[in-house]
């Protein structure tokens, strides 16, 4: 089981790390973090392996919520990724945000219910900042995004998400093939109910 540490971040107390990274710092209303090398969240699909060693900083929530984060990063290596996440356990979670694949930036969402299921939309240019929003309601989660100051109005994905269990709700980052990269979460809004 991964270590858990409660910290102050985003201007509030009570945030909890799942797999705390070696390098992170609360920065006023934001968070600066560098994911540890070779970290990821992935379950089985195509690659045949299970990885549950990425980083999530969140709060435990139950029921409907709206979670939005604006962030930027210096993506450099294959599959570098950052954005919001909802995590019930190793077999049930959602991560979304930017993923760097074959030298391009993609809006990405991975929904896992035992097996990971990946959706991507290529971006024409590397964004300066991205806002990604997760909305949990009933038995569904919806992923929306906006690029370079735009509201997260574009829907990327709607998927089943178990309605009853509590989920660690917050931000994540991973460096599956690389040595880590600087990520800046400029803001995080978490509204329950």
C-alpha atoms as a PDB file:
ATOM      1  CA  UNK A   1       0.000   0.000   0.000  1.00  0.00           C
ATOM      2  CA  UNK A   2       1.261   3.479  -0.882  1.00  0.00           C
ATOM      3  CA  UNK A   3       2.212   5.936   1.826  1.00  0.00           C
ATOM      4  CA  UNK A   4      -0.201   8.778   2.546  1.00  0.00           C
ATOM      5  CA  UNK A   5       0.669  12.242   3.822  1.00  0.00           C
ATOM      6  CA  UNK A   6      -1.791  15.069   4.625  1.00  0.00           C
ATOM      7  CA  UNK A   7      -0.623  18.508   3.465  1.00  0.00           C
ATOM      8  CA  UNK A   8      -1.684  22.092   2.855  1.00  0.00           C
ATOM      9  CA  UNK A   9      -2.046  23.067  -0.809  1.00  0.00           C
ATOM     10  CA  UNK A  10      -4.273  25.204  -3.029  1.00  0.00           C
ATOM     11  CA  UNK A  11      -4.791  27.566  -0.090  1.00  0.00           C
ATOM     12  CA  UNK A  12      -6.425  24.912   2.117  1.00  0.00           C
ATOM     13  CA  UNK A  13      -5.580  22.134   4.563  1.00  0.00           C
ATOM     14  CA  UNK A  14      -6.524  18.482   4.312  1.00  0.00           C
ATOM     15  CA  UNK A  15      -5.028  17.361   1.011  1.00  0.00           C
ATOM     16  CA  UNK A  16      -3.664  13.812   0.968  1.00  0.00           C
ATOM     17  CA  UNK A  17      -0.936  12.285  -1.182  1.00  0.00           C
ATOM     18  CA  UNK A  18      -1.299   8.889  -2.776  1.00  0.00           C
ATOM     19  CA  UNK A  19       2.296   7.954  -3.659  1.00  0.00           C
ATOM     20  CA  UNK A  20       3.922  11.250  -2.640  1.00  0.00           C
ATOM     21  CA  UNK A  21       6.655  12.334  -5.077  1.00  0.00           C
ATOM     22  CA  UNK A  22      10.154  13.208  -3.894  1.00  0.00           C
ATOM     23  CA  UNK A  23       9.845  16.796  -5.194  1.00  0.00           C
ATOM     24  CA  UNK A  24       6.797  18.994  -4.643  1.00  0.00           C
ATOM     25  CA  UNK A  25       5.991  22.394  -3.147  1.00  0.00           C
ATOM     26  CA  UNK A  26       2.750  24.199  -2.321  1.00  0.00           C
ATOM     27  CA  UNK A  27       2.942  27.609  -4.016  1.00  0.00           C
ATOM     28  CA  UNK A  28       0.263  29.929  -2.600  1.00  0.00           C
ATOM     29  CA  UNK A  29      -2.895  28.871  -4.416  1.00  0.00           C
ATOM     30  CA  UNK A  30      -1.049  26.276  -6.513  1.00  0.00           C
ATOM     31  CA  UNK A  31       1.287  23.305  -6.515  1.00  0.00           C
ATOM     32  CA  UNK A  32       4.655  22.702  -8.191  1.00  0.00           C
ATOM     33  CA  UNK A  33       5.578  19.040  -8.571  1.00  0.00           C
ATOM     34  CA  UNK A  34       7.988  16.815 -10.469  1.00  0.00           C
ATOM     35  CA  UNK A  35       6.798  13.225 -10.884  1.00  0.00           C
ATOM     36  CA  UNK A  36       9.268  10.544  -9.894  1.00  0.00           C
ATOM     37  CA  UNK A  37      10.901   8.635 -12.775  1.00  0.00           C
ATOM     38  CA  UNK A  38       9.012   5.762 -14.388  1.00  0.00           C
ATOM     39  CA  UNK A  39       5.687   6.341 -12.601  1.00  0.00           C
ATOM     40  CA  UNK A  40       2.256   5.637 -14.078  1.00  0.00           C
ATOM     41  CA  UNK A  41      -1.344   4.600 -13.567  1.00  0.00           C
ATOM     42  CA  UNK A  42      -2.353   1.838 -16.008  1.00  0.00           C
ATOM     43  CA  UNK A  43      -4.141  -1.510 -15.820  1.00  0.00           C
ATOM     44  CA  UNK A  44      -3.487  -4.394 -18.232  1.00  0.00           C
ATOM     45  CA  UNK A  45      -4.874  -3.188 -21.619  1.00  0.00           C
ATOM     46  CA  UNK A  46      -2.451  -3.783 -24.538  1.00  0.00           C
ATOM     47  CA  UNK A  47       0.712  -3.752 -22.417  1.00  0.00           C
ATOM     48  CA  UNK A  48      -0.254  -6.554 -20.028  1.00  0.00           C
ATOM     49  CA  UNK A  49       1.086  -4.838 -16.919  1.00  0.00           C
ATOM     50  CA  UNK A  50      -0.486  -3.091 -13.948  1.00  0.00           C
ATOM     51  CA  UNK A  51       1.042   0.184 -12.718  1.00  0.00           C
ATOM     52  CA  UNK A  52      -0.252   2.058  -9.687  1.00  0.00           C
ATOM     53  CA  UNK A  53       2.713   4.225  -8.728  1.00  0.00           C
ATOM     54  CA  UNK A  54       1.784   7.627 -10.182  1.00  0.00           C
ATOM     55  CA  UNK A  55       1.110  10.576  -7.881  1.00  0.00           C
ATOM     56  CA  UNK A  56      -2.288  11.963  -6.787  1.00  0.00           C
ATOM     57  CA  UNK A  57      -2.871  14.836  -4.377  1.00  0.00           C
ATOM     58  CA  UNK A  58      -6.537  14.960  -3.446  1.00  0.00           C
ATOM     59  CA  UNK A  59      -9.328  14.854  -0.906  1.00  0.00           C
ATOM     60  CA  UNK A  60     -11.728  12.001  -0.273  1.00  0.00           C
ATOM     61  CA  UNK A  61     -15.166  12.831  -1.696  1.00  0.00           C
ATOM     62  CA  UNK A  62     -18.388  10.895  -2.127  1.00  0.00           C
ATOM     63  CA  UNK A  63     -21.166  11.614  -4.615  1.00  0.00           C
ATOM     64  CA  UNK A  64     -21.554  14.428  -7.143  1.00  0.00           C
ATOM     65  CA  UNK A  65     -18.672  16.825  -7.654  1.00  0.00           C
ATOM     66  CA  UNK A  66     -17.074  19.282 -10.018  1.00  0.00           C
ATOM     67  CA  UNK A  67     -13.261  19.278 -10.046  1.00  0.00           C
ATOM     68  CA  UNK A  68     -11.366  21.710 -12.299  1.00  0.00           C
ATOM     69  CA  UNK A  69      -7.655  22.441 -12.470  1.00  0.00           C
ATOM     70  CA  UNK A  70      -5.610  24.812 -14.621  1.00  0.00           C
ATOM     71  CA  UNK A  71      -2.050  23.657 -15.180  1.00  0.00           C
ATOM     72  CA  UNK A  72       1.073  23.830 -17.330  1.00  0.00           C
ATOM     73  CA  UNK A  73       4.134  21.616 -17.624  1.00  0.00           C
ATOM     74  CA  UNK A  74       7.417  21.116 -19.446  1.00  0.00           C
ATOM     75  CA  UNK A  75       6.513  17.829 -21.132  1.00  0.00           C
ATOM     76  CA  UNK A  76       9.610  16.199 -22.583  1.00  0.00           C
ATOM     77  CA  UNK A  77       9.410  12.393 -22.708  1.00  0.00           C
ATOM     78  CA  UNK A  78       6.995   9.821 -24.087  1.00  0.00           C
ATOM     79  CA  UNK A  79       3.741   9.682 -22.054  1.00  0.00           C
ATOM     80  CA  UNK A  80       4.603  12.541 -19.660  1.00  0.00           C
ATOM     81  CA  UNK A  81       1.192  13.489 -18.228  1.00  0.00           C
ATOM     82  CA  UNK A  82      -0.593  15.766 -15.771  1.00  0.00           C
ATOM     83  CA  UNK A  83      -4.152  16.777 -14.893  1.00  0.00           C
ATOM     84  CA  UNK A  84      -7.091  15.958 -12.615  1.00  0.00           C
ATOM     85  CA  UNK A  85      -7.907  12.501 -11.249  1.00  0.00           C
ATOM     86  CA  UNK A  86     -10.542  10.539  -9.349  1.00  0.00           C
ATOM     87  CA  UNK A  87      -9.240   7.377  -7.678  1.00  0.00           C
ATOM     88  CA  UNK A  88     -11.315   4.813  -5.776  1.00  0.00           C
ATOM     89  CA  UNK A  89      -8.661   2.072  -5.826  1.00  0.00           C
ATOM     90  CA  UNK A  90      -6.137   0.472  -8.190  1.00  0.00           C
ATOM     91  CA  UNK A  91      -8.912  -0.954 -10.383  1.00  0.00           C
ATOM     92  CA  UNK A  92     -11.304   2.045 -10.485  1.00  0.00           C
ATOM     93  CA  UNK A  93     -10.071   5.490 -11.443  1.00  0.00           C
ATOM     94  CA  UNK A  94     -10.066   8.296 -14.009  1.00  0.00           C
ATOM     95  CA  UNK A  95      -7.136  10.480 -15.011  1.00  0.00           C
ATOM     96  CA  UNK A  96      -7.314  13.251 -17.597  1.00  0.00           C
ATOM     97  CA  UNK A  97      -5.232  16.161 -18.846  1.00  0.00           C
ATOM     98  CA  UNK A  98      -2.321  16.525 -21.228  1.00  0.00           C
ATOM     99  CA  UNK A  99      -0.295  13.528 -22.329  1.00  0.00           C
ATOM    100  CA  UNK A 100       2.838  13.903 -24.460  1.00  0.00           C
ATOM    101  CA  UNK A 101       2.923  11.193 -27.147  1.00  0.00           C
ATOM    102  CA  UNK A 102       5.340  10.913 -30.088  1.00  0.00           C
ATOM    103  CA  UNK A 103       6.378  14.554 -29.724  1.00  0.00           C
ATOM    104  CA  UNK A 104       2.785  15.917 -29.659  1.00  0.00           C
ATOM    105  CA  UNK A 105       0.484  17.211 -26.943  1.00  0.00           C
ATOM    106  CA  UNK A 106      -2.843  15.432 -26.582  1.00  0.00           C
ATOM    107  CA  UNK A 107      -5.855  16.051 -24.400  1.00  0.00           C
ATOM    108  CA  UNK A 108      -6.132  12.645 -22.771  1.00  0.00           C
ATOM    109  CA  UNK A 109      -8.530  10.671 -20.592  1.00  0.00           C
ATOM    110  CA  UNK A 110      -7.995   7.196 -19.172  1.00  0.00           C
ATOM    111  CA  UNK A 111     -10.955   5.486 -17.519  1.00  0.00           C
ATOM    112  CA  UNK A 112     -10.163   2.289 -15.631  1.00  0.00           C
ATOM    113  CA  UNK A 113     -12.618  -0.318 -14.372  1.00  0.00           C
ATOM    114  CA  UNK A 114     -10.253  -3.251 -14.047  1.00  0.00           C
ATOM    115  CA  UNK A 115      -8.810  -2.485 -17.491  1.00  0.00           C
ATOM    116  CA  UNK A 116      -7.609   0.910 -18.704  1.00  0.00           C
ATOM    117  CA  UNK A 117      -9.399   2.580 -21.641  1.00  0.00           C
ATOM    118  CA  UNK A 118      -7.584   5.550 -23.253  1.00  0.00           C
ATOM    119  CA  UNK A 119      -9.062   8.433 -25.297  1.00  0.00           C
ATOM    120  CA  UNK A 120      -7.022  11.243 -26.885  1.00  0.00           C
ATOM    121  CA  UNK A 121      -7.538  14.379 -28.974  1.00  0.00           C
ATOM    122  CA  UNK A 122      -4.435  15.903 -30.624  1.00  0.00           C
ATOM    123  CA  UNK A 123      -3.794  19.610 -30.103  1.00  0.00           C
ATOM    124  CA  UNK A 124      -2.564  21.708 -33.038  1.00  0.00           C
ATOM    125  CA  UNK A 125       0.048  23.449 -30.882  1.00  0.00           C
ATOM    126  CA  UNK A 126       1.610  23.017 -27.472  1.00  0.00           C
ATOM    127  CA  UNK A 127      -0.712  24.847 -25.067  1.00  0.00           C
ATOM    128  CA  UNK A 128       0.591  27.376 -22.555  1.00  0.00           C
ATOM    129  CA  UNK A 129      -2.064  26.343 -20.012  1.00  0.00           C
ATOM    130  CA  UNK A 130      -4.939  23.891 -19.990  1.00  0.00           C
ATOM    131  CA  UNK A 131      -8.025  23.673 -17.796  1.00  0.00           C
ATOM    132  CA  UNK A 132      -9.528  20.203 -17.401  1.00  0.00           C
ATOM    133  CA  UNK A 133     -12.717  19.512 -15.487  1.00  0.00           C
ATOM    134  CA  UNK A 134     -14.138  16.258 -14.136  1.00  0.00           C
ATOM    135  CA  UNK A 135     -17.834  16.125 -13.238  1.00  0.00           C
ATOM    136  CA  UNK A 136     -19.028  13.147 -11.217  1.00  0.00           C
ATOM    137  CA  UNK A 137     -22.793  12.615 -11.093  1.00  0.00           C
ATOM    138  CA  UNK A 138     -24.741   9.420 -10.423  1.00  0.00           C
ATOM    139  CA  UNK A 139     -22.919   6.574 -12.159  1.00  0.00           C
ATOM    140  CA  UNK A 140     -21.014   8.770 -14.620  1.00  0.00           C
ATOM    141  CA  UNK A 141     -17.985  10.988 -14.898  1.00  0.00           C
ATOM    142  CA  UNK A 142     -17.638  13.592 -17.626  1.00  0.00           C
ATOM    143  CA  UNK A 143     -14.318  15.049 -18.822  1.00  0.00           C
ATOM    144  CA  UNK A 144     -14.261  18.590 -20.275  1.00  0.00           C
ATOM    145  CA  UNK A 145     -11.370  20.836 -21.290  1.00  0.00           C
ATOM    146  CA  UNK A 146     -10.381  24.333 -22.401  1.00  0.00           C
ATOM    147  CA  UNK A 147      -7.032  25.459 -23.823  1.00  0.00           C
ATOM    148  CA  UNK A 148      -5.057  28.666 -23.137  1.00  0.00           C
ATOM    149  CA  UNK A 149      -7.604  30.461 -20.956  1.00  0.00           C
ATOM    150  CA  UNK A 150     -10.766  28.990 -22.452  1.00  0.00           C
ATOM    151  CA  UNK A 151     -13.425  27.619 -20.122  1.00  0.00           C
ATOM    152  CA  UNK A 152     -13.570  23.799 -20.014  1.00  0.00           C
ATOM    153  CA  UNK A 153     -16.585  23.694 -22.346  1.00  0.00           C
ATOM    154  CA  UNK A 154     -15.434  20.996 -24.790  1.00  0.00           C
ATOM    155  CA  UNK A 155     -16.480  17.500 -23.761  1.00  0.00           C
ATOM    156  CA  UNK A 156     -13.889  14.770 -24.327  1.00  0.00           C
ATOM    157  CA  UNK A 157     -15.504  11.833 -22.595  1.00  0.00           C
ATOM    158  CA  UNK A 158     -18.440  10.552 -20.574  1.00  0.00           C
ATOM    159  CA  UNK A 159     -17.974   7.180 -18.904  1.00  0.00           C
ATOM    160  CA  UNK A 160     -19.324   4.902 -16.208  1.00  0.00           C
ATOM    161  CA  UNK A 161     -17.822   5.473 -12.759  1.00  0.00           C
ATOM    162  CA  UNK A 162     -18.984   3.537  -9.672  1.00  0.00           C
ATOM    163  CA  UNK A 163     -21.490   5.829  -7.899  1.00  0.00           C
ATOM    164  CA  UNK A 164     -21.204   4.725  -4.269  1.00  0.00           C
ATOM    165  CA  UNK A 165     -17.526   4.519  -3.252  1.00  0.00           C
ATOM    166  CA  UNK A 166     -15.566   7.523  -2.035  1.00  0.00           C
ATOM    167  CA  UNK A 167     -12.846   8.710  -4.415  1.00  0.00           C
ATOM    168  CA  UNK A 168      -9.575  10.544  -3.856  1.00  0.00           C
ATOM    169  CA  UNK A 169     -10.302  13.654  -5.957  1.00  0.00           C
ATOM    170  CA  UNK A 170      -7.529  16.004  -7.037  1.00  0.00           C
ATOM    171  CA  UNK A 171      -4.529  16.290  -9.344  1.00  0.00           C
ATOM    172  CA  UNK A 172      -2.137  13.691 -10.723  1.00  0.00           C
ATOM    173  CA  UNK A 173       1.116  13.486 -12.644  1.00  0.00           C
ATOM    174  CA  UNK A 174       3.214  10.623 -14.025  1.00  0.00           C
ATOM    175  CA  UNK A 175       6.437  10.144 -15.999  1.00  0.00           C
ATOM    176  CA  UNK A 176       6.036   6.570 -17.355  1.00  0.00           C
ATOM    177  CA  UNK A 177       9.199   6.445 -19.476  1.00  0.00           C
ATOM    178  CA  UNK A 178      11.154   9.491 -18.362  1.00  0.00           C
ATOM    179  CA  UNK A 179      13.023  10.998 -15.451  1.00  0.00           C
ATOM    180  CA  UNK A 180      10.319  13.467 -14.398  1.00  0.00           C
ATOM    181  CA  UNK A 181       9.381  16.965 -15.598  1.00  0.00           C
ATOM    182  CA  UNK A 182       8.199  20.215 -13.952  1.00  0.00           C
ATOM    183  CA  UNK A 183       4.411  20.510 -13.515  1.00  0.00           C
ATOM    184  CA  UNK A 184       2.625  23.623 -12.256  1.00  0.00           C
ATOM    185  CA  UNK A 185      -0.958  23.328 -11.055  1.00  0.00           C
ATOM    186  CA  UNK A 186      -1.994  26.995 -11.010  1.00  0.00           C
ATOM    187  CA  UNK A 187      -5.428  26.437  -9.471  1.00  0.00           C
ATOM    188  CA  UNK A 188      -7.793  23.728  -8.306  1.00  0.00           C
ATOM    189  CA  UNK A 189     -11.530  24.064  -7.692  1.00  0.00           C
ATOM    190  CA  UNK A 190     -13.358  21.230  -5.951  1.00  0.00           C
ATOM    191  CA  UNK A 191     -17.115  21.570  -5.387  1.00  0.00           C
ATOM    192  CA  UNK A 192     -19.125  18.717  -3.888  1.00  0.00           C
ATOM    193  CA  UNK A 193     -22.870  18.192  -4.200  1.00  0.00           C
END
